[in-house]
């Protein structure tokens, strides 16, 4: 189970890197290196930027959730219980 989650996290990270690299740093839409002109004509500049931004936020949220779930599974299901017991 942990291996499958780790693979999902790795795939999510690669996709997140690609989506971030596609974005124009000045906020002007999709970068021309990745077919920005055709994408801007098809979706319109504002819609393509919104779409890429939504994908970025979705992948970031998915990465956050996958990391939390993996940490809980690795710790044995008790997220804070073992730390409290060892402190006493």
C-alpha atoms as a PDB file:
ATOM      1  CA  UNK A   1       0.000   0.000   0.000  1.00  0.00           C
ATOM      2  CA  UNK A   2       2.796   2.402   0.890  1.00  0.00           C
ATOM      3  CA  UNK A   3       4.569   1.561  -2.372  1.00  0.00           C
ATOM      4  CA  UNK A   4       1.460   2.383  -4.400  1.00  0.00           C
ATOM      5  CA  UNK A   5       1.023   5.687  -2.561  1.00  0.00           C
ATOM      6  CA  UNK A   6       4.696   6.525  -3.100  1.00  0.00           C
ATOM      7  CA  UNK A   7       4.334   5.878  -6.833  1.00  0.00           C
ATOM      8  CA  UNK A   8       1.217   8.083  -6.923  1.00  0.00           C
ATOM      9  CA  UNK A   9       3.110  10.844  -5.114  1.00  0.00           C
ATOM     10  CA  UNK A  10       5.983  10.613  -7.607  1.00  0.00           C
ATOM     11  CA  UNK A  11       3.615  10.787 -10.599  1.00  0.00           C
ATOM     12  CA  UNK A  12       1.786  13.705  -9.009  1.00  0.00           C
ATOM     13  CA  UNK A  13       5.085  15.541  -8.432  1.00  0.00           C
ATOM     14  CA  UNK A  14       6.179  15.100 -12.051  1.00  0.00           C
ATOM     15  CA  UNK A  15       2.806  16.332 -13.325  1.00  0.00           C
ATOM     16  CA  UNK A  16       2.932  19.300 -10.948  1.00  0.00           C
ATOM     17  CA  UNK A  17       6.414  20.233 -12.182  1.00  0.00           C
ATOM     18  CA  UNK A  18       5.276  20.070 -15.814  1.00  0.00           C
ATOM     19  CA  UNK A  19       2.187  22.177 -15.162  1.00  0.00           C
ATOM     20  CA  UNK A  20       4.205  24.807 -13.294  1.00  0.00           C
ATOM     21  CA  UNK A  21       6.789  24.945 -16.084  1.00  0.00           C
ATOM     22  CA  UNK A  22       4.064  25.458 -18.694  1.00  0.00           C
ATOM     23  CA  UNK A  23       2.862  28.602 -16.957  1.00  0.00           C
ATOM     24  CA  UNK A  24       4.148  31.967 -18.112  1.00  0.00           C
ATOM     25  CA  UNK A  25       5.986  33.672 -15.233  1.00  0.00           C
ATOM     26  CA  UNK A  26       4.386  37.035 -16.064  1.00  0.00           C
ATOM     27  CA  UNK A  27       0.864  35.589 -15.967  1.00  0.00           C
ATOM     28  CA  UNK A  28       0.274  36.058 -19.677  1.00  0.00           C
ATOM     29  CA  UNK A  29      -1.006  32.575 -20.438  1.00  0.00           C
ATOM     30  CA  UNK A  30       0.516  29.363 -21.647  1.00  0.00           C
ATOM     31  CA  UNK A  31       4.169  29.546 -22.619  1.00  0.00           C
ATOM     32  CA  UNK A  32       4.792  29.591 -26.360  1.00  0.00           C
ATOM     33  CA  UNK A  33       7.279  26.727 -26.076  1.00  0.00           C
ATOM     34  CA  UNK A  34       4.461  24.279 -25.384  1.00  0.00           C
ATOM     35  CA  UNK A  35       2.104  25.377 -28.142  1.00  0.00           C
ATOM     36  CA  UNK A  36       0.838  28.477 -26.422  1.00  0.00           C
ATOM     37  CA  UNK A  37      -0.496  30.192 -29.534  1.00  0.00           C
ATOM     38  CA  UNK A  38      -2.737  27.309 -30.559  1.00  0.00           C
ATOM     39  CA  UNK A  39      -3.952  26.819 -26.985  1.00  0.00           C
ATOM     40  CA  UNK A  40      -4.705  30.523 -26.633  1.00  0.00           C
ATOM     41  CA  UNK A  41      -6.676  30.460 -29.877  1.00  0.00           C
ATOM     42  CA  UNK A  42      -8.605  27.367 -28.850  1.00  0.00           C
ATOM     43  CA  UNK A  43      -9.473  28.323 -25.255  1.00  0.00           C
ATOM     44  CA  UNK A  44      -8.785  32.039 -25.237  1.00  0.00           C
ATOM     45  CA  UNK A  45      -5.939  33.496 -23.153  1.00  0.00           C
ATOM     46  CA  UNK A  46      -7.975  33.931 -19.967  1.00  0.00           C
ATOM     47  CA  UNK A  47      -9.590  30.497 -20.071  1.00  0.00           C
ATOM     48  CA  UNK A  48      -6.302  28.661 -20.703  1.00  0.00           C
ATOM     49  CA  UNK A  49      -4.681  30.479 -17.787  1.00  0.00           C
ATOM     50  CA  UNK A  50      -7.606  29.631 -15.499  1.00  0.00           C
ATOM     51  CA  UNK A  51      -7.512  25.990 -16.620  1.00  0.00           C
ATOM     52  CA  UNK A  52      -3.763  25.645 -15.948  1.00  0.00           C
ATOM     53  CA  UNK A  53      -4.174  27.384 -12.590  1.00  0.00           C
ATOM     54  CA  UNK A  54      -6.975  25.020 -11.575  1.00  0.00           C
ATOM     55  CA  UNK A  55      -4.835  22.022 -12.553  1.00  0.00           C
ATOM     56  CA  UNK A  56      -1.938  23.415 -10.499  1.00  0.00           C
ATOM     57  CA  UNK A  57      -4.088  23.885  -7.386  1.00  0.00           C
ATOM     58  CA  UNK A  58      -5.696  20.475  -7.845  1.00  0.00           C
ATOM     59  CA  UNK A  59      -2.355  18.703  -8.134  1.00  0.00           C
ATOM     60  CA  UNK A  60      -0.976  20.609  -5.131  1.00  0.00           C
ATOM     61  CA  UNK A  61      -3.990  19.639  -3.010  1.00  0.00           C
ATOM     62  CA  UNK A  62      -3.731  16.028  -4.174  1.00  0.00           C
ATOM     63  CA  UNK A  63      -0.036  15.948  -3.270  1.00  0.00           C
ATOM     64  CA  UNK A  64      -0.795  17.346   0.191  1.00  0.00           C
ATOM     65  CA  UNK A  65      -3.517  14.758   0.834  1.00  0.00           C
ATOM     66  CA  UNK A  66      -1.432  11.856  -0.478  1.00  0.00           C
ATOM     67  CA  UNK A  67       1.486  12.836   1.762  1.00  0.00           C
ATOM     68  CA  UNK A  68      -0.750  13.064   4.848  1.00  0.00           C
ATOM     69  CA  UNK A  69      -2.389   9.695   4.098  1.00  0.00           C
ATOM     70  CA  UNK A  70       1.002   8.050   3.521  1.00  0.00           C
ATOM     71  CA  UNK A  71       2.374   9.451   6.789  1.00  0.00           C
ATOM     72  CA  UNK A  72      -0.648   8.157   8.707  1.00  0.00           C
ATOM     73  CA  UNK A  73      -0.346   4.686   7.144  1.00  0.00           C
ATOM     74  CA  UNK A  74       3.397   4.491   7.821  1.00  0.00           C
ATOM     75  CA  UNK A  75       2.954   5.564  11.441  1.00  0.00           C
ATOM     76  CA  UNK A  76       0.501   2.731  12.001  1.00  0.00           C
ATOM     77  CA  UNK A  77      -2.718   4.696  12.088  1.00  0.00           C
ATOM     78  CA  UNK A  78      -2.040   6.703  15.242  1.00  0.00           C
ATOM     79  CA  UNK A  79      -0.885  10.105  14.035  1.00  0.00           C
ATOM     80  CA  UNK A  80      -0.079  11.681  17.414  1.00  0.00           C
ATOM     81  CA  UNK A  81      -0.641   8.931  19.959  1.00  0.00           C
ATOM     82  CA  UNK A  82       2.856   7.468  19.922  1.00  0.00           C
ATOM     83  CA  UNK A  83       4.480  10.877  20.451  1.00  0.00           C
ATOM     84  CA  UNK A  84       2.294  11.636  23.458  1.00  0.00           C
ATOM     85  CA  UNK A  85       2.985   8.245  25.029  1.00  0.00           C
ATOM     86  CA  UNK A  86       6.748   8.562  24.603  1.00  0.00           C
ATOM     87  CA  UNK A  87       6.747  12.030  26.221  1.00  0.00           C
ATOM     88  CA  UNK A  88       5.243  10.705  29.443  1.00  0.00           C
END
